[in-house]
C-alpha atoms as a PDB file:
ATOM      1  CA  MET A   1     219.511  43.523  87.473  1.00  0.00           C
ATOM      2  CA  ALA A   2     218.218  46.616  85.335  1.00  0.00           C
ATOM      3  CA  GLU A   3     216.685  48.974  88.060  1.00  0.00           C
ATOM      4  CA  GLY A   4     213.670  51.486  86.991  1.00  0.00           C
ATOM      5  CA  ALA A   5     213.118  54.777  87.358  1.00  0.00           C
ATOM      6  CA  ALA A   6     210.253  56.962  88.312  1.00  0.00           C
ATOM      7  CA  GLY A   7     209.622  57.863  84.892  1.00  0.00           C
ATOM      8  CA  ASP A   8     209.968  54.642  83.203  1.00  0.00           C
ATOM      9  CA  LEU A   9     205.980  53.975  83.400  1.00  0.00           C
ATOM     10  CA  LEU A  10     203.914  57.296  83.068  1.00  0.00           C
ATOM     11  CA  TYR A  11     200.429  57.443  84.342  1.00  0.00           C
ATOM     12  CA  GLU A  12     197.854  60.412  84.027  1.00  0.00           C
ATOM     13  CA  VAL A  13     194.342  60.766  84.696  1.00  0.00           C
ATOM     14  CA  ARG A  14     191.962  63.496  83.018  1.00  0.00           C
ATOM     15  CA  ASP A  15     188.037  63.701  82.472  1.00  0.00           C
ATOM     16  CA  GLY A  16     187.800  59.875  84.136  1.00  0.00           C
ATOM     17  CA  ILE A  17     190.363  58.275  81.124  1.00  0.00           C
ATOM     18  CA  ALA A  18     193.015  56.941  82.860  1.00  0.00           C
ATOM     19  CA  ARG A  19     196.566  56.718  80.627  1.00  0.00           C
ATOM     20  CA  VAL A  20     199.860  54.595  80.787  1.00  0.00           C
ATOM     21  CA  THR A  21     202.643  55.329  79.065  1.00  0.00           C
ATOM     22  CA  PHE A  22     205.429  52.655  78.744  1.00  0.00           C
ATOM     23  CA  ASN A  23     208.292  55.612  78.386  1.00  0.00           C
ATOM     24  CA  ARG A  24     211.877  53.601  77.663  1.00  0.00           C
ATOM     25  CA  PRO A  25     211.821  54.343  74.104  1.00  0.00           C
ATOM     26  CA  GLN A  26     215.695  53.761  73.901  1.00  0.00           C
ATOM     27  CA  ALA A  27     214.872  50.668  75.117  1.00  0.00           C
ATOM     28  CA  ARG A  28     212.259  50.062  72.573  1.00  0.00           C
ATOM     29  CA  ASN A  29     209.697  50.699  75.911  1.00  0.00           C
ATOM     30  CA  ALA A  30     210.869  46.724  76.880  1.00  0.00           C
ATOM     31  CA  MET A  31     209.489  46.518  80.359  1.00  0.00           C
ATOM     32  CA  LEU A  32     211.466  46.060  83.892  1.00  0.00           C
ATOM     33  CA  PHE A  33     210.053  44.669  86.877  1.00  0.00           C
ATOM     34  CA  SER A  34     209.659  47.601  88.401  1.00  0.00           C
ATOM     35  CA  MET A  35     207.281  48.716  85.542  1.00  0.00           C
ATOM     36  CA  TYR A  36     205.195  45.610  86.302  1.00  0.00           C
ATOM     37  CA  GLU A  37     204.755  46.330  89.387  1.00  0.00           C
ATOM     38  CA  ARG A  38     203.422  49.407  89.233  1.00  0.00           C
ATOM     39  CA  LEU A  39     201.055  48.833  86.442  1.00  0.00           C
ATOM     40  CA  ALA A  40     199.533  46.651  89.304  1.00  0.00           C
ATOM     41  CA  GLU A  41     199.499  49.418  91.421  1.00  0.00           C
ATOM     42  CA  ILE A  42     197.746  51.550  88.864  1.00  0.00           C
ATOM     43  CA  CYS A  43     195.412  48.970  88.680  1.00  0.00           C
ATOM     44  CA  ALA A  44     194.264  48.760  91.988  1.00  0.00           C
ATOM     45  CA  GLY A  45     194.041  51.814  91.777  1.00  0.00           C
ATOM     46  CA  ILE A  46     191.731  52.479  89.210  1.00  0.00           C
ATOM     47  CA  GLU A  47     189.001  49.644  90.943  1.00  0.00           C
ATOM     48  CA  ALA A  48     189.139  51.883  94.099  1.00  0.00           C
ATOM     49  CA  ASP A  49     188.657  54.929  91.729  1.00  0.00           C
ATOM     50  CA  ARG A  50     184.781  55.411  90.219  1.00  0.00           C
ATOM     51  CA  SER A  51     185.580  58.203  88.483  1.00  0.00           C
ATOM     52  CA  ILE A  52     187.415  56.630  86.376  1.00  0.00           C
ATOM     53  CA  ARG A  53     186.141  55.514  82.878  1.00  0.00           C
ATOM     54  CA  ALA A  54     188.811  53.686  80.842  1.00  0.00           C
ATOM     55  CA  LEU A  55     192.489  52.815  80.621  1.00  0.00           C
ATOM     56  CA  VAL A  56     194.356  53.487  77.217  1.00  0.00           C
ATOM     57  CA  LEU A  57     197.841  51.675  77.511  1.00  0.00           C
ATOM     58  CA  THR A  58     200.264  53.328  74.885  1.00  0.00           C
ATOM     59  CA  GLY A  59     204.251  53.009  74.109  1.00  0.00           C
ATOM     60  CA  ALA A  60     206.410  56.306  74.433  1.00  0.00           C
ATOM     61  CA  GLY A  61     207.390  56.929  70.528  1.00  0.00           C
ATOM     62  CA  ASP A  62     206.632  55.532  67.403  1.00  0.00           C
ATOM     63  CA  LYS A  63     208.622  52.323  67.766  1.00  0.00           C
ATOM     64  CA  ALA A  64     207.257  50.068  70.041  1.00  0.00           C
ATOM     65  CA  PHE A  65     204.384  49.585  72.230  1.00  0.00           C
ATOM     66  CA  ALA A  66     206.553  47.194  74.683  1.00  0.00           C
ATOM     67  CA  ALA A  67     209.228  45.447  73.310  1.00  0.00           C
ATOM     68  CA  GLY A  68     208.224  42.743  76.187  1.00  0.00           C
ATOM     69  CA  THR A  69     211.003  41.732  79.071  1.00  0.00           C
ATOM     70  CA  ASP A  70     213.871  43.682  79.304  1.00  0.00           C
ATOM     71  CA  ILE A  71     216.158  40.509  78.897  1.00  0.00           C
ATOM     72  CA  SER A  72     218.936  41.514  80.955  1.00  0.00           C
ATOM     73  CA  GLN A  73     217.087  41.286  84.031  1.00  0.00           C
ATOM     74  CA  PHE A  74     216.512  37.653  83.145  1.00  0.00           C
ATOM     75  CA  ARG A  75     220.297  37.099  84.403  1.00  0.00           C
ATOM     76  CA  ALA A  76     219.662  36.962  87.939  1.00  0.00           C
ATOM     77  CA  PHE A  77     217.738  33.887  87.182  1.00  0.00           C
ATOM     78  CA  GLU A  78     219.412  30.744  89.047  1.00  0.00           C
ATOM     79  CA  THR A  79     216.992  28.614  90.415  1.00  0.00           C
ATOM     80  CA  ALA A  80     213.330  27.081  89.397  1.00  0.00           C
ATOM     81  CA  GLU A  81     211.560  29.689  92.369  1.00  0.00           C
ATOM     82  CA  ASP A  82     212.990  32.488  90.059  1.00  0.00           C
ATOM     83  CA  ALA A  83     211.466  31.366  86.894  1.00  0.00           C
ATOM     84  CA  LEU A  84     207.981  30.293  88.312  1.00  0.00           C
ATOM     85  CA  ALA A  85     208.289  33.491  90.307  1.00  0.00           C
ATOM     86  CA  TYR A  86     208.447  35.323  87.516  1.00  0.00           C
ATOM     87  CA  GLU A  87     205.691  34.209  85.875  1.00  0.00           C
ATOM     88  CA  ALA A  88     203.586  34.194  88.722  1.00  0.00           C
ATOM     89  CA  ARG A  89     204.507  38.214  88.447  1.00  0.00           C
ATOM     90  CA  ILE A  90     203.486  38.553  85.090  1.00  0.00           C
ATOM     91  CA  ASP A  91     200.703  36.333  85.700  1.00  0.00           C
ATOM     92  CA  ARG A  92     199.511  38.459  88.555  1.00  0.00           C
ATOM     93  CA  VAL A  93     200.125  41.508  86.884  1.00  0.00           C
ATOM     94  CA  LEU A  94     198.050  40.720  84.037  1.00  0.00           C
ATOM     95  CA  GLY A  95     195.622  39.056  85.901  1.00  0.00           C
ATOM     96  CA  ALA A  96     194.647  42.614  87.331  1.00  0.00           C
ATOM     97  CA  LEU A  97     195.009  44.373  84.006  1.00  0.00           C
ATOM     98  CA  GLU A  98     192.728  41.988  82.335  1.00  0.00           C
ATOM     99  CA  ARG A  99     190.126  41.793  85.498  1.00  0.00           C
ATOM    100  CA  LEU A 100     189.723  45.654  85.398  1.00  0.00           C
ATOM    101  CA  ARG A 101     186.049  46.891  85.763  1.00  0.00           C
ATOM    102  CA  VAL A 102     186.502  49.050  83.317  1.00  0.00           C
ATOM    103  CA  PRO A 103     187.207  48.691  79.599  1.00  0.00           C
ATOM    104  CA  THR A 104     190.986  48.718  78.761  1.00  0.00           C
ATOM    105  CA  ILE A 105     192.195  50.193  75.289  1.00  0.00           C
ATOM    106  CA  ALA A 106     195.821  48.809  73.785  1.00  0.00           C
ATOM    107  CA  ALA A 107     197.079  51.611  71.446  1.00  0.00           C
ATOM    108  CA  MET A 108     200.029  49.676  69.483  1.00  0.00           C
ATOM    109  CA  ALA A 109     202.334  51.240  67.194  1.00  0.00           C
ATOM    110  CA  GLY A 110     206.049  49.066  66.267  1.00  0.00           C
ATOM    111  CA  ALA A 111     206.882  46.314  68.149  1.00  0.00           C
ATOM    112  CA  CYS A 112     204.641  44.785  70.375  1.00  0.00           C
ATOM    113  CA  THR A 113     206.496  41.566  71.491  1.00  0.00           C
ATOM    114  CA  GLY A 114     206.845  39.177  74.657  1.00  0.00           C
ATOM    115  CA  GLY A 115     205.488  40.931  77.723  1.00  0.00           C
ATOM    116  CA  GLY A 116     204.347  43.848  75.601  1.00  0.00           C
ATOM    117  CA  ALA A 117     202.298  41.584  72.999  1.00  0.00           C
ATOM    118  CA  ALA A 118     200.691  39.682  76.407  1.00  0.00           C
ATOM    119  CA  MET A 119     199.443  43.012  77.898  1.00  0.00           C
ATOM    120  CA  ALA A 120     197.908  43.865  74.812  1.00  0.00           C
ATOM    121  CA  ALA A 121     196.216  40.501  74.625  1.00  0.00           C
ATOM    122  CA  CYS A 122     194.834  41.309  78.311  1.00  0.00           C
ATOM    123  CA  CYS A 123     192.681  45.084  76.842  1.00  0.00           C
ATOM    124  CA  ASP A 124     189.796  44.993  75.817  1.00  0.00           C
ATOM    125  CA  LEU A 125     189.974  46.703  71.997  1.00  0.00           C
ATOM    126  CA  ARG A 126     193.706  46.418  70.316  1.00  0.00           C
ATOM    127  CA  ILE A 127     193.723  49.196  67.882  1.00  0.00           C
ATOM    128  CA  ALA A 128     197.525  49.814  66.034  1.00  0.00           C
ATOM    129  CA  ALA A 129     199.657  52.078  63.695  1.00  0.00           C
ATOM    130  CA  ALA A 130     200.420  50.722  60.492  1.00  0.00           C
ATOM    131  CA  THR A 131     203.616  50.209  61.931  1.00  0.00           C
ATOM    132  CA  LEU A 132     202.856  47.266  64.366  1.00  0.00           C
ATOM    133  CA  ARG A 133     205.036  43.837  63.988  1.00  0.00           C
ATOM    134  CA  PHE A 134     203.282  41.467  67.134  1.00  0.00           C
ATOM    135  CA  GLY A 135     204.169  38.093  68.467  1.00  0.00           C
ATOM    136  CA  PHE A 136     206.470  35.892  70.711  1.00  0.00           C
ATOM    137  CA  PRO A 137     209.330  35.169  68.156  1.00  0.00           C
ATOM    138  CA  ILE A 138     210.726  33.360  71.487  1.00  0.00           C
ATOM    139  CA  ALA A 139     211.334  30.172  69.549  1.00  0.00           C
ATOM    140  CA  ARG A 140     214.523  32.237  68.192  1.00  0.00           C
ATOM    141  CA  THR A 141     215.725  34.421  70.633  1.00  0.00           C
ATOM    142  CA  LEU A 142     215.230  33.072  74.177  1.00  0.00           C
ATOM    143  CA  GLY A 143     214.115  29.465  74.233  1.00  0.00           C
ATOM    144  CA  ASN A 144     211.084  30.271  76.872  1.00  0.00           C
ATOM    145  CA  CYS A 145     207.550  29.871  77.238  1.00  0.00           C
ATOM    146  CA  LEU A 146     204.491  31.471  77.714  1.00  0.00           C
ATOM    147  CA  SER A 147     202.389  30.148  81.187  1.00  0.00           C
ATOM    148  CA  VAL A 148     198.859  28.519  80.144  1.00  0.00           C
ATOM    149  CA  SER A 149     196.933  31.409  80.996  1.00  0.00           C
ATOM    150  CA  ASN A 150     199.023  33.495  78.352  1.00  0.00           C
ATOM    151  CA  TYR A 151     198.709  30.611  75.512  1.00  0.00           C
ATOM    152  CA  ALA A 152     194.858  30.730  76.602  1.00  0.00           C
ATOM    153  CA  ARG A 153     194.024  34.542  76.098  1.00  0.00           C
ATOM    154  CA  LEU A 154     196.053  34.190  72.582  1.00  0.00           C
ATOM    155  CA  ALA A 155     193.813  31.260  71.891  1.00  0.00           C
ATOM    156  CA  ALA A 156     190.758  32.325  72.630  1.00  0.00           C
ATOM    157  CA  LEU A 157     191.695  35.808  70.292  1.00  0.00           C
ATOM    158  CA  ILE A 158     192.822  34.186  67.156  1.00  0.00           C
ATOM    159  CA  GLY A 159     192.405  30.365  67.816  1.00  0.00           C
ATOM    160  CA  PRO A 160     195.374  27.782  68.927  1.00  0.00           C
ATOM    161  CA  ALA A 161     196.547  27.243  64.745  1.00  0.00           C
ATOM    162  CA  ARG A 162     197.344  30.994  64.500  1.00  0.00           C
ATOM    163  CA  VAL A 163     199.354  30.976  68.115  1.00  0.00           C
ATOM    164  CA  LYS A 164     200.741  27.179  66.980  1.00  0.00           C
ATOM    165  CA  ASP A 165     201.718  29.203  63.303  1.00  0.00           C
ATOM    166  CA  MET A 166     203.005  33.088  65.088  1.00  0.00           C
ATOM    167  CA  VAL A 167     205.361  31.109  68.146  1.00  0.00           C
ATOM    168  CA  PHE A 168     207.188  27.805  65.876  1.00  0.00           C
ATOM    169  CA  THR A 169     207.587  30.596  62.973  1.00  0.00           C
ATOM    170  CA  ALA A 170     209.014  32.835  65.205  1.00  0.00           C
ATOM    171  CA  ARG A 171     207.405  35.601  62.783  1.00  0.00           C
ATOM    172  CA  LEU A 172     205.931  39.284  63.749  1.00  0.00           C
ATOM    173  CA  ILE A 173     202.263  39.878  62.317  1.00  0.00           C
ATOM    174  CA  GLU A 174     202.125  42.915  60.518  1.00  0.00           C
ATOM    175  CA  ALA A 175     198.776  45.767  61.076  1.00  0.00           C
ATOM    176  CA  GLU A 176     196.659  44.493  58.460  1.00  0.00           C
ATOM    177  CA  GLU A 177     196.673  40.809  59.084  1.00  0.00           C
ATOM    178  CA  ALA A 178     196.458  41.595  62.706  1.00  0.00           C
ATOM    179  CA  ARG A 179     193.242  43.201  61.358  1.00  0.00           C
ATOM    180  CA  ALA A 180     192.429  39.922  59.349  1.00  0.00           C
ATOM    181  CA  ILE A 181     192.773  37.692  62.145  1.00  0.00           C
ATOM    182  CA  GLY A 182     190.841  39.903  64.641  1.00  0.00           C
ATOM    183  CA  LEU A 183     193.519  40.821  66.660  1.00  0.00           C
ATOM    184  CA  VAL A 184     192.748  44.487  66.592  1.00  0.00           C
ATOM    185  CA  SER A 185     189.841  46.675  65.328  1.00  0.00           C
ATOM    186  CA  GLU A 186     191.286  48.987  63.442  1.00  0.00           C
ATOM    187  CA  VAL A 187     194.558  50.411  61.608  1.00  0.00           C
ATOM    188  CA  LEU A 188     195.699  53.671  61.861  1.00  0.00           C
ATOM    189  CA  PRO A 189     197.770  55.467  59.196  1.00  0.00           C
ATOM    190  CA  ASP A 190     200.723  56.157  61.688  1.00  0.00           C
ATOM    191  CA  ALA A 191     201.429  56.608  65.693  1.00  0.00           C
ATOM    192  CA  ALA A 192     200.006  60.539  65.762  1.00  0.00           C
ATOM    193  CA  ALA A 193     196.504  59.139  64.081  1.00  0.00           C
ATOM    194  CA  LEU A 194     197.147  56.246  66.439  1.00  0.00           C
ATOM    195  CA  ALA A 195     196.615  58.198  69.449  1.00  0.00           C
ATOM    196  CA  ALA A 196     193.973  60.599  68.319  1.00  0.00           C
ATOM    197  CA  ARG A 197     191.505  57.257  67.775  1.00  0.00           C
ATOM    198  CA  ALA A 198     192.674  56.006  71.251  1.00  0.00           C
ATOM    199  CA  GLU A 199     191.296  59.022  72.745  1.00  0.00           C
ATOM    200  CA  ASP A 200     188.546  59.297  70.824  1.00  0.00           C
ATOM    201  CA  LEU A 201     187.259  55.697  71.242  1.00  0.00           C
ATOM    202  CA  ALA A 202     188.597  55.867  75.174  1.00  0.00           C
ATOM    203  CA  ARG A 203     186.018  59.139  75.080  1.00  0.00           C
ATOM    204  CA  LEU A 204     182.888  57.073  73.377  1.00  0.00           C
ATOM    205  CA  ILE A 205     183.130  54.067  75.635  1.00  0.00           C
ATOM    206  CA  ALA A 206     183.727  56.554  79.010  1.00  0.00           C
ATOM    207  CA  ALA A 207     180.274  57.700  77.880  1.00  0.00           C
ATOM    208  CA  HIS A 208     178.765  54.447  78.122  1.00  0.00           C
ATOM    209  CA  ALA A 209     177.076  52.861  81.273  1.00  0.00           C
ATOM    210  CA  PRO A 210     179.938  51.470  83.324  1.00  0.00           C
ATOM    211  CA  LEU A 211     178.103  48.623  84.321  1.00  0.00           C
ATOM    212  CA  THR A 212     176.802  47.163  81.140  1.00  0.00           C
ATOM    213  CA  LEU A 213     180.409  47.524  80.050  1.00  0.00           C
ATOM    214  CA  GLN A 214     181.963  45.782  83.198  1.00  0.00           C
ATOM    215  CA  ALA A 215     179.209  42.918  83.528  1.00  0.00           C
ATOM    216  CA  THR A 216     179.984  41.964  79.549  1.00  0.00           C
ATOM    217  CA  LYS A 217     183.894  42.153  80.510  1.00  0.00           C
ATOM    218  CA  GLU A 218     183.623  39.433  83.165  1.00  0.00           C
ATOM    219  CA  ALA A 219     180.660  37.220  81.801  1.00  0.00           C
ATOM    220  CA  LEU A 220     183.203  36.632  78.790  1.00  0.00           C
ATOM    221  CA  ARG A 221     186.090  36.109  81.119  1.00  0.00           C
ATOM    222  CA  ARG A 222     184.054  33.590  82.910  1.00  0.00           C
ATOM    223  CA  ILE A 223     183.419  31.836  79.711  1.00  0.00           C
ATOM    224  CA  ARG A 224     186.911  31.812  78.790  1.00  0.00           C
ATOM    225  CA  ASP A 225     187.681  30.880  81.751  1.00  0.00           C
ATOM    226  CA  ARG A 226     185.467  27.758  82.566  1.00  0.00           C
ATOM    227  CA  SER A 227     187.983  24.909  81.254  1.00  0.00           C
ATOM    228  CA  ALA A 228     190.757  26.973  82.533  1.00  0.00           C
ATOM    229  CA  PRO A 229     193.320  24.506  84.073  1.00  0.00           C
ATOM    230  CA  PRO A 230     194.763  24.792  87.538  1.00  0.00           C
ATOM    231  CA  GLY A 231     196.763  27.625  88.191  1.00  0.00           C
ATOM    232  CA  ASP A 232     200.122  25.292  88.664  1.00  0.00           C
ATOM    233  CA  ALA A 233     199.509  23.097  85.940  1.00  0.00           C
ATOM    234  CA  ASP A 234     202.301  24.669  83.650  1.00  0.00           C
ATOM    235  CA  HIS A 235     204.808  24.617  86.078  1.00  0.00           C
ATOM    236  CA  ASP A 236     206.603  21.572  84.497  1.00  0.00           C
ATOM    237  CA  LEU A 237     207.052  23.822  81.468  1.00  0.00           C
ATOM    238  CA  LEU A 238     207.883  26.613  82.597  1.00  0.00           C
ATOM    239  CA  LEU A 239     211.027  25.062  84.035  1.00  0.00           C
ATOM    240  CA  MET A 240     211.929  22.464  80.806  1.00  0.00           C
ATOM    241  CA  CYS A 241     212.466  26.115  78.984  1.00  0.00           C
ATOM    242  CA  TYR A 242     213.695  28.282  82.149  1.00  0.00           C
ATOM    243  CA  MET A 243     215.719  25.925  83.331  1.00  0.00           C
ATOM    244  CA  SER A 244     217.663  24.736  80.243  1.00  0.00           C
ATOM    245  CA  ALA A 245     221.326  25.523  78.771  1.00  0.00           C
ATOM    246  CA  ASP A 246     219.158  26.932  75.713  1.00  0.00           C
ATOM    247  CA  PHE A 247     217.178  29.399  77.670  1.00  0.00           C
ATOM    248  CA  ARG A 248     220.664  30.502  78.917  1.00  0.00           C
ATOM    249  CA  GLU A 249     222.566  30.009  75.623  1.00  0.00           C
ATOM    250  CA  GLY A 250     219.408  32.280  74.036  1.00  0.00           C
ATOM    251  CA  MET A 251     219.760  34.798  76.559  1.00  0.00           C
ATOM    252  CA  GLU A 252     223.630  35.725  76.477  1.00  0.00           C
ATOM    253  CA  ALA A 253     223.280  35.274  72.650  1.00  0.00           C
ATOM    254  CA  PHE A 254     220.683  38.211  72.172  1.00  0.00           C
ATOM    255  CA  LEU A 255     222.597  40.119  74.965  1.00  0.00           C
ATOM    256  CA  GLY A 256     225.549  39.300  72.949  1.00  0.00           C
ATOM    257  CA  LYS A 257     223.825  40.184  69.508  1.00  0.00           C
ATOM    258  CA  ARG A 258     224.846  36.889  67.873  1.00  0.00           C
ATOM    259  CA  PRO A 259     222.591  33.951  66.817  1.00  0.00           C
ATOM    260  CA  PRO A 260     221.603  31.247  69.303  1.00  0.00           C
ATOM    261  CA  ALA A 261     223.281  27.664  69.109  1.00  0.00           C
ATOM    262  CA  TRP A 262     220.210  25.456  70.165  1.00  0.00           C
ATOM    263  CA  ARG A 263     220.498  21.798  71.930  1.00  0.00           C
ATOM    264  CA  GLY A 264     217.192  21.142  72.850  1.00  0.00           C
ATOM    265  CA  ALA A 265     218.891  20.234  76.845  1.00  0.00           C
END
């Protein structure tokens, strides 16, 4: 299993604005388990620090926001418990990000896929460089699936039909389409312009009434979650995918840089 280094996720706070940078540009900022855990720790720290008024998430370099979870880590999966524990970890971390009392901004350039796209979907605002490519290409790569909570977030953002289109075709949505369907609010010409706009937007939001923003976030989350299924409603679906020969084939094909041979089993 890949081990994380201290610099894989950078965190700083200046003038009441927190900034998280996914910092593995050599791997398109693919997430290690240690990076997810560090993000959860940061969220807990922000909750405890009332001086922080906004959080910006971005990726190092201009090639990726975050290109999902590092696939090599899935090689350690052997049991149903491994699969369910992974998805529970992701739901726990993304839940912490989504429930933060402060507004969150995802500033996305380049690839924003898999776990990276799921993190961006948890943020309150999403802005993008023109290079954005957003999606969940798992139907042609790994053969796994998302948790019900992740599907619910995506459906709330862009509607069930567009979620199906994105997942079924395994295509990546580019910046202008993302703006057209409401996935992102702004498209900037390049990574430098994106970083500058993220800073300006965070400062604007940080100057506004924090309780108003917090109440708005929580009210909208409650509205969306009112019809949410119980937490274990997706276990059969997760295990159908993660325990399949297809998932093992997809993982090995991805790491071996060859097309997978799907069997539907």
